[in-house]
Amino acid sequence: MNFARGSRDYEHLFGIAYRTLGSAHDAEDAVQDAVVRWQSLTDDEREAIRVPLAWMTRAVGRICLDQLGSARARRESYAGIWLPEPVPGTVGPVASSPRPPDPADTVTLDESVSLALLRAMESLTPGERVALILHDVFGMPFAEIGDIVGRSPEACRQLASTARRHLRAAPRFEADDGQRGKVVHAFAVACTTGDLAALMDVLAPGVVSRADGGGLPGIARVPVVGADRVARYLLGIVARSESHGLTINSRFETVNNHAGLVILFDDQVAAVVDLAVAEGKVHEIAIVMNPDKLASWTVR
């Protein structure tokens, strides 16, 4: 088996870990920990494992389950709003496992890495999150999930059901890339040109903007709500930056499987922006400015 970074098996495992933990750094650590466990097996033990990827999937699931508790404690003491770490490009193809024949409100592959849904999943218990991701997104049977979370298959089915019920209270957004691209472009142009009317036109009336600055000064530590307030807040950031002599540019890139924005101050990556779009309007804005979460973007 090939578990090296960039291989299909690695991307599969990373996709599970990232969706479960919401952090690329923590996901990489989880996969590497599982690889170490695999390598520590004897040749006879590895030979006895019929499906190595399934063994590694269970190992990654258990590691993530253990990490979720401590991760939640860290996020409760986080400076300001915590947002998931955005990942360039696409995140983790699913290995050849069938999608479960569950109700229409199951979490889809692309939706499961949107920053909006990853943030919403913070409300789930570790068991609920692991069961939901492994079953709804990766098609793992509840009997196998039970081996990971230490519950019966029926209990795991209930965990996933409860997780879906909690997520129904959170907005679910469309993944229409054609429409989305136009909205993202209009949003970027309005922000960079300072056009308040154009920006208001692309925002939904109840739009919510959240910014993760990791304690940086000048970044709102509570959500900003409403089209007028959000528009003036965003343009205020642009105006303050320009008043300090910074040149602001944006580039369109794939952020967590769909069209997003990278904001540059003097050609240095300053933020990654993910927009939740529905019916031609921006309903949620996630702005990640914490430098610790931009490492994978600054080296590109």
C-alpha atoms as a PDB file:
ATOM      1  CA  MET A   1       0.000   0.000   0.000  1.00  0.00           C
ATOM      2  CA  ASN A   2       1.122   3.557  -0.714  1.00  0.00           C
ATOM      3  CA  PHE A   3       0.420   5.943   2.137  1.00  0.00           C
ATOM      4  CA  ALA A   4       2.902   8.595   0.965  1.00  0.00           C
ATOM      5  CA  ARG A   5       1.729  12.191   0.754  1.00  0.00           C
ATOM      6  CA  GLY A   6       0.034  12.817  -2.592  1.00  0.00           C
ATOM      7  CA  SER A   7      -1.045   9.209  -3.125  1.00  0.00           C
ATOM      8  CA  ARG A   8      -4.733   8.380  -3.464  1.00  0.00           C
ATOM      9  CA  ASP A   9      -4.690   6.442  -0.198  1.00  0.00           C
ATOM     10  CA  TYR A  10      -3.098   9.366   1.644  1.00  0.00           C
ATOM     11  CA  GLU A  11      -5.649  11.802   0.205  1.00  0.00           C
ATOM     12  CA  HIS A  12      -8.471   9.482   1.274  1.00  0.00           C
ATOM     13  CA  LEU A  13      -7.166   9.367   4.856  1.00  0.00           C
ATOM     14  CA  PHE A  14      -6.447  13.103   4.925  1.00  0.00           C
ATOM     15  CA  GLY A  15      -9.988  13.761   3.667  1.00  0.00           C
ATOM     16  CA  ILE A  16     -11.446  11.849   6.604  1.00  0.00           C
ATOM     17  CA  ALA A  17      -9.172  13.523   9.148  1.00  0.00           C
ATOM     18  CA  TYR A  18      -9.669  17.052   7.810  1.00  0.00           C
ATOM     19  CA  ARG A  19     -13.451  16.773   7.699  1.00  0.00           C
ATOM     20  CA  THR A  20     -13.425  15.414  11.244  1.00  0.00           C
ATOM     21  CA  LEU A  21     -10.953  17.878  12.778  1.00  0.00           C
ATOM     22  CA  GLY A  22     -11.333  21.026  10.657  1.00  0.00           C
ATOM     23  CA  SER A  23      -7.575  21.585  10.706  1.00  0.00           C
ATOM     24  CA  ALA A  24      -5.158  20.641   7.926  1.00  0.00           C
ATOM     25  CA  HIS A  25      -2.239  20.588  10.364  1.00  0.00           C
ATOM     26  CA  ASP A  26      -4.041  18.293  12.808  1.00  0.00           C
ATOM     27  CA  ALA A  27      -5.279  16.113   9.937  1.00  0.00           C
ATOM     28  CA  GLU A  28      -1.740  15.631   8.639  1.00  0.00           C
ATOM     29  CA  ASP A  29      -0.583  14.697  12.140  1.00  0.00           C
ATOM     30  CA  ALA A  30      -3.429  12.163  12.456  1.00  0.00           C
ATOM     31  CA  VAL A  31      -2.534  10.475   9.178  1.00  0.00           C
ATOM     32  CA  GLN A  32       1.162  10.378  10.039  1.00  0.00           C
ATOM     33  CA  ASP A  33       0.342   8.877  13.439  1.00  0.00           C
ATOM     34  CA  ALA A  34      -1.665   6.151  11.695  1.00  0.00           C
ATOM     35  CA  VAL A  35       1.220   5.502   9.281  1.00  0.00           C
ATOM     36  CA  VAL A  36       3.582   5.081  12.238  1.00  0.00           C
ATOM     37  CA  ARG A  37       1.169   2.574  13.768  1.00  0.00           C
ATOM     38  CA  TRP A  38       1.058   0.665  10.465  1.00  0.00           C
ATOM     39  CA  GLN A  39       4.831   0.612  10.202  1.00  0.00           C
ATOM     40  CA  SER A  40       5.171  -0.602  13.788  1.00  0.00           C
ATOM     41  CA  LEU A  41       3.291  -3.807  12.925  1.00  0.00           C
ATOM     42  CA  THR A  42       5.308  -6.913  12.222  1.00  0.00           C
ATOM     43  CA  ASP A  43       5.435  -8.314   8.696  1.00  0.00           C
ATOM     44  CA  ASP A  44       3.158 -11.172   9.774  1.00  0.00           C
ATOM     45  CA  GLU A  45       0.644  -8.739  11.297  1.00  0.00           C
ATOM     46  CA  ARG A  46       0.533  -6.636   8.135  1.00  0.00           C
ATOM     47  CA  GLU A  47       0.219  -9.765   5.987  1.00  0.00           C
ATOM     48  CA  ALA A  48      -2.825 -10.823   8.004  1.00  0.00           C
ATOM     49  CA  ILE A  49      -4.646  -7.535   7.230  1.00  0.00           C
ATOM     50  CA  ARG A  50      -6.740  -8.184   4.121  1.00  0.00           C
ATOM     51  CA  VAL A  51      -7.566  -4.523   3.361  1.00  0.00           C
ATOM     52  CA  PRO A  52      -4.807  -2.198   4.608  1.00  0.00           C
ATOM     53  CA  LEU A  53      -6.719   0.960   3.674  1.00  0.00           C
ATOM     54  CA  ALA A  54      -9.684  -0.148   5.805  1.00  0.00           C
ATOM     55  CA  TRP A  55      -7.297  -0.782   8.718  1.00  0.00           C
ATOM     56  CA  MET A  56      -5.756   2.668   8.256  1.00  0.00           C
ATOM     57  CA  THR A  57      -9.192   4.268   8.001  1.00  0.00           C
ATOM     58  CA  ARG A  58     -10.164   2.791  11.363  1.00  0.00           C
ATOM     59  CA  ALA A  59      -6.834   3.933  12.843  1.00  0.00           C
ATOM     60  CA  VAL A  60      -7.315   7.498  11.578  1.00  0.00           C
ATOM     61  CA  GLY A  61     -10.900   7.507  12.851  1.00  0.00           C
ATOM     62  CA  ARG A  62      -9.815   6.506  16.352  1.00  0.00           C
ATOM     63  CA  ILE A  63      -7.012   9.078  16.394  1.00  0.00           C
ATOM     64  CA  CYS A  64      -9.414  11.822  15.312  1.00  0.00           C
ATOM     65  CA  LEU A  65     -11.960  10.759  17.916  1.00  0.00           C
ATOM     66  CA  ASP A  66      -9.291  11.118  20.610  1.00  0.00           C
ATOM     67  CA  GLN A  67      -8.193  14.518  19.283  1.00  0.00           C
ATOM     68  CA  LEU A  68     -11.647  16.077  19.087  1.00  0.00           C
ATOM     69  CA  GLY A  69     -12.039  16.460  22.838  1.00  0.00           C
ATOM     70  CA  SER A  70      -8.782  18.368  23.326  1.00  0.00           C
ATOM     71  CA  ALA A  71      -9.378  20.379  20.142  1.00  0.00           C
ATOM     72  CA  ARG A  72     -12.709  21.620  21.480  1.00  0.00           C
ATOM     73  CA  ALA A  73     -11.057  22.726  24.722  1.00  0.00           C
ATOM     74  CA  ARG A  74      -8.450  24.713  22.757  1.00  0.00           C
ATOM     75  CA  ARG A  75     -11.108  26.384  20.640  1.00  0.00           C
ATOM     76  CA  GLU A  76     -13.123  27.464  23.670  1.00  0.00           C
ATOM     77  CA  SER A  77     -10.144  29.585  24.777  1.00  0.00           C
ATOM     78  CA  TYR A  78      -9.385  30.808  21.238  1.00  0.00           C
ATOM     79  CA  ALA A  79      -8.863  34.545  20.737  1.00  0.00           C
ATOM     80  CA  GLY A  80     -11.942  35.700  18.836  1.00  0.00           C
ATOM     81  CA  ILE A  81     -13.875  33.593  16.327  1.00  0.00           C
ATOM     82  CA  TRP A  82     -12.486  30.169  15.439  1.00  0.00           C
ATOM     83  CA  LEU A  83     -12.877  29.084  11.819  1.00  0.00           C
ATOM     84  CA  PRO A  84     -11.630  25.898  10.144  1.00  0.00           C
ATOM     85  CA  GLU A  85      -8.319  26.055   8.330  1.00  0.00           C
ATOM     86  CA  PRO A  86      -8.922  26.498   4.574  1.00  0.00           C
ATOM     87  CA  VAL A  87      -7.201  24.082   2.190  1.00  0.00           C
ATOM     88  CA  PRO A  88      -6.099  24.913  -1.373  1.00  0.00           C
ATOM     89  CA  GLY A  89      -7.737  22.909  -4.136  1.00  0.00           C
ATOM     90  CA  THR A  90      -9.802  19.814  -3.544  1.00  0.00           C
ATOM     91  CA  VAL A  91      -9.835  17.843  -0.325  1.00  0.00           C
ATOM     92  CA  GLY A  92      -9.547  14.096  -0.210  1.00  0.00           C
ATOM     93  CA  PRO A  93     -11.197  11.950  -2.905  1.00  0.00           C
ATOM     94  CA  VAL A  94     -13.372   9.187  -1.551  1.00  0.00           C
ATOM     95  CA  ALA A  95     -12.099   5.678  -2.121  1.00  0.00           C
ATOM     96  CA  SER A  96     -14.368   3.308  -4.033  1.00  0.00           C
ATOM     97  CA  SER A  97     -17.020   2.866  -1.366  1.00  0.00           C
ATOM     98  CA  PRO A  98     -20.717   3.259  -2.225  1.00  0.00           C
ATOM     99  CA  ARG A  99     -22.722   6.205  -0.969  1.00  0.00           C
ATOM    100  CA  PRO A 100     -25.223   5.146   1.708  1.00  0.00           C
ATOM    101  CA  PRO A 101     -28.893   5.055   0.650  1.00  0.00           C
ATOM    102  CA  ASP A 102     -29.898   7.557   3.337  1.00  0.00           C
ATOM    103  CA  PRO A 103     -32.321  10.500   3.309  1.00  0.00           C
ATOM    104  CA  ALA A 104     -31.751  13.567   1.148  1.00  0.00           C
ATOM    105  CA  ASP A 105     -30.304  15.525   4.055  1.00  0.00           C
ATOM    106  CA  THR A 106     -27.143  13.413   4.222  1.00  0.00           C
ATOM    107  CA  VAL A 107     -23.936  15.437   4.004  1.00  0.00           C
ATOM    108  CA  THR A 108     -22.373  15.427   0.533  1.00  0.00           C
ATOM    109  CA  LEU A 109     -18.677  15.201  -0.338  1.00  0.00           C
ATOM    110  CA  ASP A 110     -18.215  18.847  -1.340  1.00  0.00           C
ATOM    111  CA  GLU A 111     -20.559  20.214   1.301  1.00  0.00           C
ATOM    112  CA  SER A 112     -18.628  18.376   4.005  1.00  0.00           C
ATOM    113  CA  VAL A 113     -15.561  20.589   3.471  1.00  0.00           C
ATOM    114  CA  SER A 114     -17.320  23.952   3.188  1.00  0.00           C
ATOM    115  CA  LEU A 115     -16.129  26.226   5.976  1.00  0.00           C
ATOM    116  CA  ALA A 116     -19.759  26.962   6.860  1.00  0.00           C
ATOM    117  CA  LEU A 117     -20.602  23.309   7.513  1.00  0.00           C
ATOM    118  CA  LEU A 118     -17.270  22.532   9.177  1.00  0.00           C
ATOM    119  CA  ARG A 119     -17.971  25.388  11.572  1.00  0.00           C
ATOM    120  CA  ALA A 120     -21.508  24.124  12.177  1.00  0.00           C
ATOM    121  CA  MET A 121     -20.152  20.640  12.952  1.00  0.00           C
ATOM    122  CA  GLU A 122     -18.330  22.109  15.953  1.00  0.00           C
ATOM    123  CA  SER A 123     -21.670  21.789  17.779  1.00  0.00           C
ATOM    124  CA  LEU A 124     -21.595  17.981  17.446  1.00  0.00           C
ATOM    125  CA  THR A 125     -20.130  15.572  19.963  1.00  0.00           C
ATOM    126  CA  PRO A 126     -16.968  13.724  18.853  1.00  0.00           C
ATOM    127  CA  GLY A 127     -18.940  10.500  18.344  1.00  0.00           C
ATOM    128  CA  GLU A 128     -21.627  12.254  16.296  1.00  0.00           C
ATOM    129  CA  ARG A 129     -19.075  13.947  14.074  1.00  0.00           C
ATOM    130  CA  VAL A 130     -17.070  10.783  13.421  1.00  0.00           C
ATOM    131  CA  ALA A 131     -20.208   8.733  12.695  1.00  0.00           C
ATOM    132  CA  LEU A 132     -21.614  11.383  10.367  1.00  0.00           C
ATOM    133  CA  ILE A 133     -18.420  11.835   8.346  1.00  0.00           C
ATOM    134  CA  LEU A 134     -17.554   8.164   8.041  1.00  0.00           C
ATOM    135  CA  HIS A 135     -21.079   7.070   7.116  1.00  0.00           C
ATOM    136  CA  ASP A 136     -22.616   9.926   5.135  1.00  0.00           C
ATOM    137  CA  VAL A 137     -19.492  11.052   3.276  1.00  0.00           C
ATOM    138  CA  PHE A 138     -17.342   7.919   3.088  1.00  0.00           C
ATOM    139  CA  GLY A 139     -20.030   5.250   3.033  1.00  0.00           C
ATOM    140  CA  MET A 140     -18.658   3.208   5.948  1.00  0.00           C
ATOM    141  CA  PRO A 141     -21.138   0.703   7.442  1.00  0.00           C
ATOM    142  CA  PHE A 142     -22.262   1.406  10.983  1.00  0.00           C
ATOM    143  CA  ALA A 143     -20.850  -1.923  12.138  1.00  0.00           C
ATOM    144  CA  GLU A 144     -17.348  -0.753  11.202  1.00  0.00           C
ATOM    145  CA  ILE A 145     -17.940   2.686  12.710  1.00  0.00           C
ATOM    146  CA  GLY A 146     -18.889   0.929  15.933  1.00  0.00           C
ATOM    147  CA  ASP A 147     -15.377  -0.550  16.095  1.00  0.00           C
ATOM    148  CA  ILE A 148     -13.981   2.984  16.019  1.00  0.00           C
ATOM    149  CA  VAL A 149     -16.257   4.782  18.473  1.00  0.00           C
ATOM    150  CA  GLY A 150     -16.834   1.831  20.776  1.00  0.00           C
ATOM    151  CA  ARG A 151     -20.600   1.681  20.253  1.00  0.00           C
ATOM    152  CA  SER A 152     -23.072  -0.786  18.759  1.00  0.00           C
ATOM    153  CA  PRO A 153     -24.044  -0.364  15.091  1.00  0.00           C
ATOM    154  CA  GLU A 154     -27.502   0.837  16.137  1.00  0.00           C
ATOM    155  CA  ALA A 155     -25.984   3.366  18.535  1.00  0.00           C
ATOM    156  CA  CYS A 156     -23.773   4.645  15.723  1.00  0.00           C
ATOM    157  CA  ARG A 157     -26.798   4.939  13.452  1.00  0.00           C
ATOM    158  CA  GLN A 158     -28.416   7.056  16.159  1.00  0.00           C
ATOM    159  CA  LEU A 159     -25.272   9.207  16.474  1.00  0.00           C
ATOM    160  CA  ALA A 160     -25.370   9.999  12.750  1.00  0.00           C
ATOM    161  CA  SER A 161     -29.110  10.674  12.900  1.00  0.00           C
ATOM    162  CA  THR A 162     -28.692  13.054  15.826  1.00  0.00           C
ATOM    163  CA  ALA A 163     -25.846  14.812  14.013  1.00  0.00           C
ATOM    164  CA  ARG A 164     -28.026  15.354  10.945  1.00  0.00           C
ATOM    165  CA  ARG A 165     -30.827  16.703  13.137  1.00  0.00           C
ATOM    166  CA  HIS A 166     -28.464  19.245  14.691  1.00  0.00           C
ATOM    167  CA  LEU A 167     -27.162  20.297  11.281  1.00  0.00           C
ATOM    168  CA  ARG A 168     -30.678  20.877   9.953  1.00  0.00           C
ATOM    169  CA  ALA A 169     -30.739  23.972  12.167  1.00  0.00           C
ATOM    170  CA  ALA A 170     -27.705  25.323  10.282  1.00  0.00           C
ATOM    171  CA  PRO A 171     -28.144  26.801   6.788  1.00  0.00           C
ATOM    172  CA  ARG A 172     -27.336  24.494   3.859  1.00  0.00           C
ATOM    173  CA  PHE A 173     -26.020  26.183   0.729  1.00  0.00           C
ATOM    174  CA  GLU A 174     -26.019  25.425  -2.960  1.00  0.00           C
ATOM    175  CA  ALA A 175     -22.933  24.144  -4.766  1.00  0.00           C
ATOM    176  CA  ASP A 176     -23.729  25.606  -8.208  1.00  0.00           C
ATOM    177  CA  ASP A 177     -20.203  26.392  -9.417  1.00  0.00           C
ATOM    178  CA  GLY A 178     -21.394  28.365 -12.452  1.00  0.00           C
ATOM    179  CA  GLN A 179     -23.540  30.717 -10.417  1.00  0.00           C
ATOM    180  CA  ARG A 180     -21.089  30.720  -7.546  1.00  0.00           C
ATOM    181  CA  GLY A 181     -18.228  31.908  -9.747  1.00  0.00           C
ATOM    182  CA  LYS A 182     -20.209  34.947 -10.879  1.00  0.00           C
ATOM    183  CA  VAL A 183     -21.162  35.840  -7.296  1.00  0.00           C
ATOM    184  CA  VAL A 184     -17.598  35.437  -6.031  1.00  0.00           C
ATOM    185  CA  HIS A 185     -16.308  37.633  -8.853  1.00  0.00           C
ATOM    186  CA  ALA A 186     -18.904  40.353  -8.183  1.00  0.00           C
ATOM    187  CA  PHE A 187     -18.095  40.258  -4.456  1.00  0.00           C
ATOM    188  CA  ALA A 188     -14.352  40.615  -5.105  1.00  0.00           C
ATOM    189  CA  VAL A 189     -14.748  43.507  -7.541  1.00  0.00           C
ATOM    190  CA  ALA A 190     -17.083  45.388  -5.207  1.00  0.00           C
ATOM    191  CA  CYS A 191     -14.719  44.986  -2.244  1.00  0.00           C
ATOM    192  CA  THR A 192     -11.529  45.945  -4.065  1.00  0.00           C
ATOM    193  CA  THR A 193     -13.119  48.971  -5.783  1.00  0.00           C
ATOM    194  CA  GLY A 194     -14.928  50.142  -2.662  1.00  0.00           C
ATOM    195  CA  ASP A 195     -18.326  50.066  -4.389  1.00  0.00           C
ATOM    196  CA  LEU A 196     -20.808  49.988  -1.513  1.00  0.00           C
ATOM    197  CA  ALA A 197     -23.912  49.726  -3.724  1.00  0.00           C
ATOM    198  CA  ALA A 198     -22.476  46.826  -5.745  1.00  0.00           C
ATOM    199  CA  LEU A 199     -21.422  45.014  -2.587  1.00  0.00           C
ATOM    200  CA  MET A 200     -24.847  45.477  -0.997  1.00  0.00           C
ATOM    201  CA  ASP A 201     -26.424  44.081  -4.172  1.00  0.00           C
ATOM    202  CA  VAL A 202     -24.520  40.780  -3.891  1.00  0.00           C
ATOM    203  CA  LEU A 203     -25.158  40.292  -0.150  1.00  0.00           C
ATOM    204  CA  ALA A 204     -28.266  38.609   1.261  1.00  0.00           C
ATOM    205  CA  PRO A 205     -30.168  40.835   3.736  1.00  0.00           C
ATOM    206  CA  GLY A 206     -29.255  38.613   6.686  1.00  0.00           C
ATOM    207  CA  VAL A 207     -25.662  37.876   5.625  1.00  0.00           C
ATOM    208  CA  VAL A 208     -23.257  36.924   8.422  1.00  0.00           C
ATOM    209  CA  SER A 209     -19.529  37.666   8.276  1.00  0.00           C
ATOM    210  CA  ARG A 210     -17.080  35.855  10.548  1.00  0.00           C
ATOM    211  CA  ALA A 211     -13.359  36.605  10.662  1.00  0.00           C
ATOM    212  CA  ASP A 212     -10.680  34.468  12.265  1.00  0.00           C
ATOM    213  CA  GLY A 213      -7.703  36.655  13.052  1.00  0.00           C
ATOM    214  CA  GLY A 214      -6.207  34.498  15.770  1.00  0.00           C
ATOM    215  CA  GLY A 215      -5.962  37.567  18.000  1.00  0.00           C
ATOM    216  CA  LEU A 216      -4.823  40.060  15.344  1.00  0.00           C
ATOM    217  CA  PRO A 217      -5.867  43.648  16.181  1.00  0.00           C
ATOM    218  CA  GLY A 218      -8.655  45.297  14.194  1.00  0.00           C
ATOM    219  CA  ILE A 219     -10.486  42.031  13.429  1.00  0.00           C
ATOM    220  CA  ALA A 220     -14.056  41.724  14.712  1.00  0.00           C
ATOM    221  CA  ARG A 221     -14.245  39.105  17.456  1.00  0.00           C
ATOM    222  CA  VAL A 222     -17.987  38.597  17.054  1.00  0.00           C
ATOM    223  CA  PRO A 223     -20.007  37.937  13.887  1.00  0.00           C
ATOM    224  CA  VAL A 224     -21.123  40.955  11.865  1.00  0.00           C
ATOM    225  CA  VAL A 225     -24.739  40.572  10.725  1.00  0.00           C
ATOM    226  CA  GLY A 226     -26.814  42.326   8.070  1.00  0.00           C
ATOM    227  CA  ALA A 227     -25.997  43.501   4.554  1.00  0.00           C
ATOM    228  CA  ASP A 228     -25.394  47.149   5.430  1.00  0.00           C
ATOM    229  CA  ARG A 229     -23.202  46.429   8.463  1.00  0.00           C
ATOM    230  CA  VAL A 230     -21.232  43.707   6.692  1.00  0.00           C
ATOM    231  CA  ALA A 231     -20.645  45.838   3.597  1.00  0.00           C
ATOM    232  CA  ARG A 232     -19.420  48.815   5.612  1.00  0.00           C
ATOM    233  CA  TYR A 233     -17.270  46.554   7.797  1.00  0.00           C
ATOM    234  CA  LEU A 234     -15.569  44.932   4.787  1.00  0.00           C
ATOM    235  CA  LEU A 235     -15.009  48.211   2.971  1.00  0.00           C
ATOM    236  CA  GLY A 236     -13.701  49.689   6.219  1.00  0.00           C
ATOM    237  CA  ILE A 237     -11.014  46.989   6.351  1.00  0.00           C
ATOM    238  CA  VAL A 238     -10.052  47.806   2.755  1.00  0.00           C
ATOM    239  CA  ALA A 239      -9.953  51.554   3.448  1.00  0.00           C
ATOM    240  CA  ARG A 240      -7.827  51.168   6.600  1.00  0.00           C
ATOM    241  CA  SER A 241      -5.397  48.896   4.813  1.00  0.00           C
ATOM    242  CA  GLU A 242      -5.026  51.328   1.922  1.00  0.00           C
ATOM    243  CA  SER A 243      -4.569  54.241   4.338  1.00  0.00           C
ATOM    244  CA  HIS A 244      -1.535  52.382   5.679  1.00  0.00           C
ATOM    245  CA  GLY A 245      -0.062  52.304   2.189  1.00  0.00           C
ATOM    246  CA  LEU A 246      -0.916  48.687   1.437  1.00  0.00           C
ATOM    247  CA  THR A 247      -1.829  47.593  -2.082  1.00  0.00           C
ATOM    248  CA  ILE A 248      -4.776  45.204  -2.015  1.00  0.00           C
ATOM    249  CA  ASN A 249      -5.327  42.561  -4.663  1.00  0.00           C
ATOM    250  CA  SER A 250      -7.373  39.381  -4.870  1.00  0.00           C
ATOM    251  CA  ARG A 251      -7.036  36.195  -6.843  1.00  0.00           C
ATOM    252  CA  PHE A 252      -9.582  33.496  -7.520  1.00  0.00           C
ATOM    253  CA  GLU A 253      -8.605  30.059  -6.293  1.00  0.00           C
ATOM    254  CA  THR A 254     -10.267  26.808  -5.349  1.00  0.00           C
ATOM    255  CA  VAL A 255     -10.869  26.865  -1.607  1.00  0.00           C
ATOM    256  CA  ASN A 256     -12.082  23.609  -0.066  1.00  0.00           C
ATOM    257  CA  ASN A 257     -13.389  22.209  -3.356  1.00  0.00           C
ATOM    258  CA  HIS A 258     -15.067  25.335  -4.739  1.00  0.00           C
ATOM    259  CA  ALA A 259     -14.427  28.882  -5.975  1.00  0.00           C
ATOM    260  CA  GLY A 260     -13.053  31.223  -3.326  1.00  0.00           C
ATOM    261  CA  LEU A 261     -10.744  34.210  -2.876  1.00  0.00           C
ATOM    262  CA  VAL A 262      -7.216  34.809  -1.699  1.00  0.00           C
ATOM    263  CA  ILE A 263      -6.597  38.389  -0.542  1.00  0.00           C
ATOM    264  CA  LEU A 264      -3.116  39.843  -0.852  1.00  0.00           C
ATOM    265  CA  PHE A 265      -1.632  42.895   0.850  1.00  0.00           C
ATOM    266  CA  ASP A 266       1.477  44.031  -1.082  1.00  0.00           C
ATOM    267  CA  ASP A 267       1.610  40.619  -2.803  1.00  0.00           C
ATOM    268  CA  GLN A 268       1.611  38.805   0.554  1.00  0.00           C
ATOM    269  CA  VAL A 269      -1.270  36.471   1.378  1.00  0.00           C
ATOM    270  CA  ALA A 270      -3.327  38.201   4.066  1.00  0.00           C
ATOM    271  CA  ALA A 271      -6.595  36.253   4.026  1.00  0.00           C
ATOM    272  CA  VAL A 272      -8.520  33.411   2.452  1.00  0.00           C
ATOM    273  CA  VAL A 273     -12.235  34.029   1.940  1.00  0.00           C
ATOM    274  CA  ASP A 274     -14.932  31.378   1.584  1.00  0.00           C
ATOM    275  CA  LEU A 275     -18.439  32.468   0.614  1.00  0.00           C
ATOM    276  CA  ALA A 276     -21.637  30.523   1.245  1.00  0.00           C
ATOM    277  CA  VAL A 277     -23.827  31.260  -1.788  1.00  0.00           C
ATOM    278  CA  ALA A 278     -27.508  30.545  -2.404  1.00  0.00           C
ATOM    279  CA  GLU A 279     -29.900  31.970  -4.985  1.00  0.00           C
ATOM    280  CA  GLY A 280     -27.296  34.352  -6.327  1.00  0.00           C
ATOM    281  CA  LYS A 281     -26.529  35.989  -2.983  1.00  0.00           C
ATOM    282  CA  VAL A 282     -23.803  35.683  -0.360  1.00  0.00           C
ATOM    283  CA  HIS A 283     -25.321  34.392   2.889  1.00  0.00           C
ATOM    284  CA  GLU A 284     -22.203  33.696   4.940  1.00  0.00           C
ATOM    285  CA  ILE A 285     -18.646  34.998   4.710  1.00  0.00           C
ATOM    286  CA  ALA A 286     -15.704  33.219   6.334  1.00  0.00           C
ATOM    287  CA  ILE A 287     -12.495  35.272   6.395  1.00  0.00           C
ATOM    288  CA  VAL A 288      -9.415  33.441   7.661  1.00  0.00           C
ATOM    289  CA  MET A 289      -6.599  35.869   8.527  1.00  0.00           C
ATOM    290  CA  ASN A 290      -4.799  33.935  11.260  1.00  0.00           C
ATOM    291  CA  PRO A 291      -1.248  33.575   9.843  1.00  0.00           C
ATOM    292  CA  ASP A 292      -0.950  30.113  11.404  1.00  0.00           C
ATOM    293  CA  LYS A 293      -3.797  28.944   9.147  1.00  0.00           C
ATOM    294  CA  LEU A 294      -2.377  30.427   5.946  1.00  0.00           C
ATOM    295  CA  ALA A 295       0.881  28.487   5.723  1.00  0.00           C
ATOM    296  CA  SER A 296      -0.318  26.246   2.881  1.00  0.00           C
ATOM    297  CA  TRP A 297      -1.274  29.357   0.873  1.00  0.00           C
ATOM    298  CA  THR A 298       1.833  31.484   1.421  1.00  0.00           C
ATOM    299  CA  VAL A 299       4.240  28.881   0.054  1.00  0.00           C
ATOM    300  CA  ARG A 300       2.447  28.469  -3.263  1.00  0.00           C
END
